[in-house]
Amino acid sequence: MTFSVLMAKNVQKCFKFIMGPQTIRYFSSKLAEEDLKVTDDCIKRLEAICDQDEFLRLSVESGGCSGYQYKFELDKTIAVDDCILEKQGIKIVVDTTSLNYIKGSTIDYEQQLIRAAFRLIRNPKAQDGCSCGASFSIKID
């Protein structure tokens, strides 16, 4: 075997390791821990409503009053491009695209007389939002 063939095989092995789903998820997970905060109220609520294999999925979609909206749902499936935040035994999962819109934010659970819901607060990427806090527009730097 020639040197160039051996090098090509080693590069392929390294690329498969680096780009494997577990490796991507590991690196993504570390990014989420640094860029997303969770309040104690949110953790308590998730402990109460999630089954053993369930987690809270947060995503950003186009729509809402201001252009983009936050979507919270319970889920059981983790995709390759998901970022995972684990705190006190609970998991919060955000896809990498959505994470770009919410870096530096805090996930909270708010309970009022008229509603109880998860919400995203202190989003440094949001310029304006609707009064209920479910939608926002992006700051353009």
Protein backbone atom coordinates (compact mmCIF):
# COMPACT_ATOMS: atom_id res chain seq x y z
CA MET A 1 0.00 0.00 0.00
CA THR A 2 1.31 3.41 -0.86
CA PHE A 3 1.72 6.22 1.60
CA SER A 4 -1.09 8.29 0.02
CA VAL A 5 -3.55 5.36 0.28
CA LEU A 6 -2.67 4.85 3.97
CA MET A 7 -3.11 8.58 4.62
CA ALA A 8 -6.48 8.61 2.87
CA LYS A 9 -7.71 5.69 5.00
CA ASN A 10 -6.56 7.38 8.21
CA VAL A 11 -8.22 10.64 7.22
CA GLN A 12 -11.47 8.75 6.54
CA LYS A 13 -11.33 7.09 9.98
CA CYS A 14 -10.68 10.42 11.71
CA PHE A 15 -13.48 12.13 9.76
CA LYS A 16 -15.97 9.37 10.67
CA PHE A 17 -15.05 9.75 14.35
CA ILE A 18 -15.21 13.54 14.36
CA MET A 19 -18.50 13.71 12.45
CA GLY A 20 -20.23 10.84 14.28
CA PRO A 21 -23.58 11.66 15.94
CA GLN A 22 -22.28 11.05 19.46
CA THR A 23 -19.32 13.39 18.93
CA ILE A 24 -21.49 16.13 17.42
CA ARG A 25 -23.99 15.77 20.26
CA TYR A 26 -21.16 15.95 22.85
CA PHE A 27 -19.71 19.16 21.43
CA SER A 28 -23.16 20.68 20.92
CA SER A 29 -24.08 19.80 24.48
CA LYS A 30 -21.16 21.78 25.87
CA LEU A 31 -22.16 24.79 23.79
CA ALA A 32 -25.72 24.70 25.16
CA GLU A 33 -24.52 24.63 28.79
CA GLU A 34 -22.61 27.86 28.23
CA ASP A 35 -25.30 29.68 26.25
CA LEU A 36 -28.64 28.78 27.82
CA LYS A 37 -29.75 29.27 31.42
CA VAL A 38 -32.65 27.57 33.22
CA THR A 39 -34.51 28.87 36.28
CA ASP A 40 -35.34 26.74 39.31
CA ASP A 41 -39.08 27.12 38.56
CA CYS A 42 -38.52 25.61 35.11
CA ILE A 43 -36.59 22.66 36.55
CA LYS A 44 -39.26 22.00 39.20
CA ARG A 45 -42.03 21.99 36.60
CA LEU A 46 -40.13 19.67 34.27
CA GLU A 47 -39.45 17.27 37.14
CA ALA A 48 -43.19 17.17 37.78
CA ILE A 49 -44.41 16.63 34.19
CA CYS A 50 -41.68 14.66 32.38
CA ASP A 51 -41.53 10.89 32.23
CA GLN A 52 -38.14 9.18 32.56
CA ASP A 53 -37.26 9.45 28.86
CA GLU A 54 -38.99 12.79 28.10
CA PHE A 55 -37.41 16.20 27.83
CA LEU A 56 -38.39 19.76 26.95
CA ARG A 57 -37.71 20.73 23.34
CA LEU A 58 -37.35 24.42 22.58
CA SER A 59 -37.37 25.62 18.99
CA VAL A 60 -37.71 28.90 17.13
CA GLU A 61 -40.13 29.05 14.18
CA SER A 62 -41.15 31.79 11.83
CA GLY A 63 -44.53 33.31 12.64
CA GLY A 64 -46.19 34.98 15.60
CA CYS A 65 -46.92 38.66 16.05
CA SER A 66 -43.33 39.82 15.66
CA GLY A 67 -41.81 37.49 13.05
CA TYR A 68 -40.46 34.56 15.10
CA GLN A 69 -42.02 32.52 17.87
CA TYR A 70 -40.78 30.19 20.59
CA LYS A 71 -42.17 26.67 20.63
CA PHE A 72 -42.00 24.46 23.73
CA GLU A 73 -43.02 20.81 23.66
CA LEU A 74 -42.27 17.54 25.41
CA ASP A 75 -40.33 15.12 23.21
CA LYS A 76 -38.53 11.76 23.35
CA THR A 77 -36.38 11.86 20.19
CA ILE A 78 -32.97 13.52 19.92
CA ALA A 79 -31.66 14.41 16.45
CA VAL A 80 -28.04 14.62 15.35
CA ASP A 81 -28.06 18.44 15.23
CA ASP A 82 -29.62 18.88 18.69
CA CYS A 83 -27.90 20.62 21.58
CA ILE A 84 -28.63 19.06 24.95
CA LEU A 85 -28.64 20.91 28.27
CA GLU A 86 -28.77 18.66 31.33
CA LYS A 87 -29.34 20.18 34.73
CA GLN A 88 -30.40 18.46 37.96
CA GLY A 89 -31.55 15.36 36.09
CA ILE A 90 -33.71 17.13 33.49
CA LYS A 91 -32.93 17.65 29.81
CA ILE A 92 -33.68 20.58 27.56
CA VAL A 93 -33.00 20.11 23.85
CA VAL A 94 -32.57 22.84 21.24
CA ASP A 95 -31.64 22.35 17.59
CA THR A 96 -28.52 24.21 16.47
CA THR A 97 -30.42 26.61 14.20
CA SER A 98 -32.78 27.67 17.00
CA LEU A 99 -29.87 28.01 19.43
CA ASN A 100 -28.44 30.76 17.22
CA TYR A 101 -31.59 32.83 17.87
CA ILE A 102 -31.63 32.36 21.66
CA LYS A 103 -28.01 32.24 22.86
CA GLY A 104 -27.67 33.94 26.21
CA SER A 105 -31.38 33.58 27.10
CA THR A 106 -33.04 32.06 30.16
CA ILE A 107 -35.82 29.47 30.12
CA ASP A 108 -38.40 30.07 32.85
CA TYR A 109 -41.73 28.63 33.93
CA GLU A 110 -44.32 31.22 34.89
CA GLN A 111 -47.62 30.55 36.59
CA GLN A 112 -50.27 33.29 36.70
CA LEU A 113 -54.02 33.37 37.17
CA ILE A 114 -54.68 33.53 33.43
CA ARG A 115 -52.02 31.07 32.25
CA ALA A 116 -49.07 28.89 33.13
CA ALA A 117 -46.33 28.33 30.55
CA PHE A 118 -42.67 27.93 29.80
CA ARG A 119 -41.17 31.11 28.42
CA LEU A 120 -37.89 32.50 27.24
CA ILE A 121 -36.70 35.62 29.02
CA ARG A 122 -33.77 37.99 28.54
CA ASN A 123 -33.08 37.01 24.94
CA PRO A 124 -30.19 39.26 23.86
CA LYS A 125 -30.93 38.54 20.18
CA ALA A 126 -34.55 39.79 20.40
CA GLN A 127 -35.36 43.37 19.53
CA ASP A 128 -39.12 43.58 19.99
CA GLY A 129 -41.71 41.10 21.14
CA CYS A 130 -45.40 40.71 21.69
CA SER A 131 -46.95 41.38 25.09
CA CYS A 132 -47.35 37.68 25.95
CA GLY A 133 -43.65 36.99 25.26
CA ALA A 134 -44.28 34.18 22.76
CA SER A 135 -42.89 35.96 19.70
CA PHE A 136 -40.02 38.30 18.90
CA SER A 137 -38.10 40.04 16.12
CA ILE A 138 -34.37 39.71 15.60
CA LYS A 139 -31.85 42.45 16.40
CA ILE A 140 -29.86 43.28 13.31
CA ASP A 141 -26.31 44.23 14.24
